[in-house]
């Protein structure tokens, strides 16, 4: 399925927000680097950070790290035991330290059971370690530890460890736990395990207390040979949690590295180094958009081939045009879609994979709803409007204001011309020998309107062009989703109600506007109302019939408004006149209004409409 297929079809499937098992982001380089460090005996034990903002792909990279470790040890006598843990999901009734230690001990217990030796001594040691942890309470650090802002000492942590077997006279404290844990890791029963890699995810989502407790468990209880940790979290958010947890700490220790704040110092005493997860480059963004579209369309082997091609082009410093394709795969539509959206998505979403995927899902949902509402816009146009709505909210509000004020068509013509798209007004026919006017100004020569922001101009340059497209139904839908009420603030409040009823598709609403209501309008109010109706029939083709009927009604009832009514009717582009519109005129209409039919006849290019106009004119002649 491509992004350019029918709107309803495109909405049939959405991209899952779950971490991908397929590397669409070329994060294999990061995963391999992490695996190198985890398997480096010189770094044993090691704790690594994998830092990136929300949605940058940290969980996906952890999955790739696990795959890489499995690949490297496949068929080897010794295996790497991978333990995935997510402190964000820990039961708050149980301390984070206890939960993390419990997960590690459970996995090691299973590894011992799988051992060929499985001695009774080691089995008892595992149980002994489990019994030492007091699962009923979380450790409370001594006040002096918080004030000193150092890694807590053994004396501060003895409350976590209870006597094995309930013997109060037995040795207590952290050292006993670590000694026994070290003995377990070095035992023959775990000789088939070369290393234990604990992959910690979503730590940056946790409450400050959980963050600090998880870090303490890693550093104080589990940091023994053969143990390694990868902590996937936004380092700045983790540092914020540490600052919050130890908010009372103000002074810096003499041993602190110059310029390193206490929160970062605390974190760096636990995590030896942090590997930043890079944001997507412009090329990566375009490749990601392409691969996301191809993912549901291709089988696994075909998709892998395109992924490999993207990786090759990336390493060679090429562009998407260098993709070889092959095997009869036509990616033209997908490449065009990716090329169209990449510049603005790359800038506005800062190369964040999850935000890009969310935008595409929002787009598919909107396409589906629009289709089911009978809005037949091309998906490429909806995508362009979604860019405006989601990524340029101030500019989107301005476009909605244009719609409400009935100036959308003129403003879009001006905008696209200023953006370098030569346009011709739909309501004017260009003669071969007619000189260029302001409406057909050459590219780069269109006067720049101060109301057109750089954001709007840049958006207008995105394909496809919008000239002559009826955007009103979709914009009304988008406004309703955004909670925006479209009001022409240039109309007094009383006129807004009359205009709304005259333009309504409900006959009852239109009849609710009585002749007395129209008679009560001042000349200025009547003129403002007619002009509003004229702008509406020009900008919103779906309201042409009710709008023209309203203008004609005012012209018939208030002959002084006939000239203004004629000008309002002439706002309607001749090539957009509906077949039934001329038949709304009557022989009793004022002469100024009757003249509109003659003007339309001279400008229209639709033979059926011209015949309808001639019929209406004959009625006026009495023939």
Foldseek 3Di string as FASTA:
>chain_A
DFLQDALQVLLPDADDLDQDLDCLQPCLVVLVVVLVQVPDQVQAAAEEEEADDPQQRLVNSVSSNVVVQCVVCPPPQAHEAEAEDELQPDDPQWALLLVVVVSVLVSLLVLLVVFPCNDPVLNVLSVQLNQQFDRRDDQDFDPVCLQVLALGDFVRGQVRTAHRPNDNPDDTTLVVLQVSLLCSCPDPSNPNHQAYEYEYPDLLVDALSSLVSNLSSQQRRPRHGRYYYYHYYHLVSSLVSPCVVSVVHDDDDPPDDPPDDSSRVRVCVRHVYYDYRDFRDLQSQLSSQLLVRCVVVDDPVLSVVQSVQSVVCVVVVHHPVPRPRDPPDDSPSSSLLSVLPSPLCCVQVVRRNSVSSVLSSVLSVLSSVCVVVVNRDRSVVSSLLSCCVPRVVVVLVVLLQCLLQLNNQVVLLLLLQQLFNFDAQLQDDDDPPDDDDLSRDHGPPNDDDPVQDPVSSVSCPRDDHCHPPQCVVSSVVSCVVVVHDRHNVVAPPVLRQQLCLLQDPDPVSNPVCDLVNLVPDDPVNLLSSLLSLLSNVQRHVVSVQSSLLVLQVSCLSPVVCLQSSLVSVSSHRLQSDDLCSLVSDALSGDPSNLVSLVVSLVRYPDVSSNVSSVVSVCRNVVD
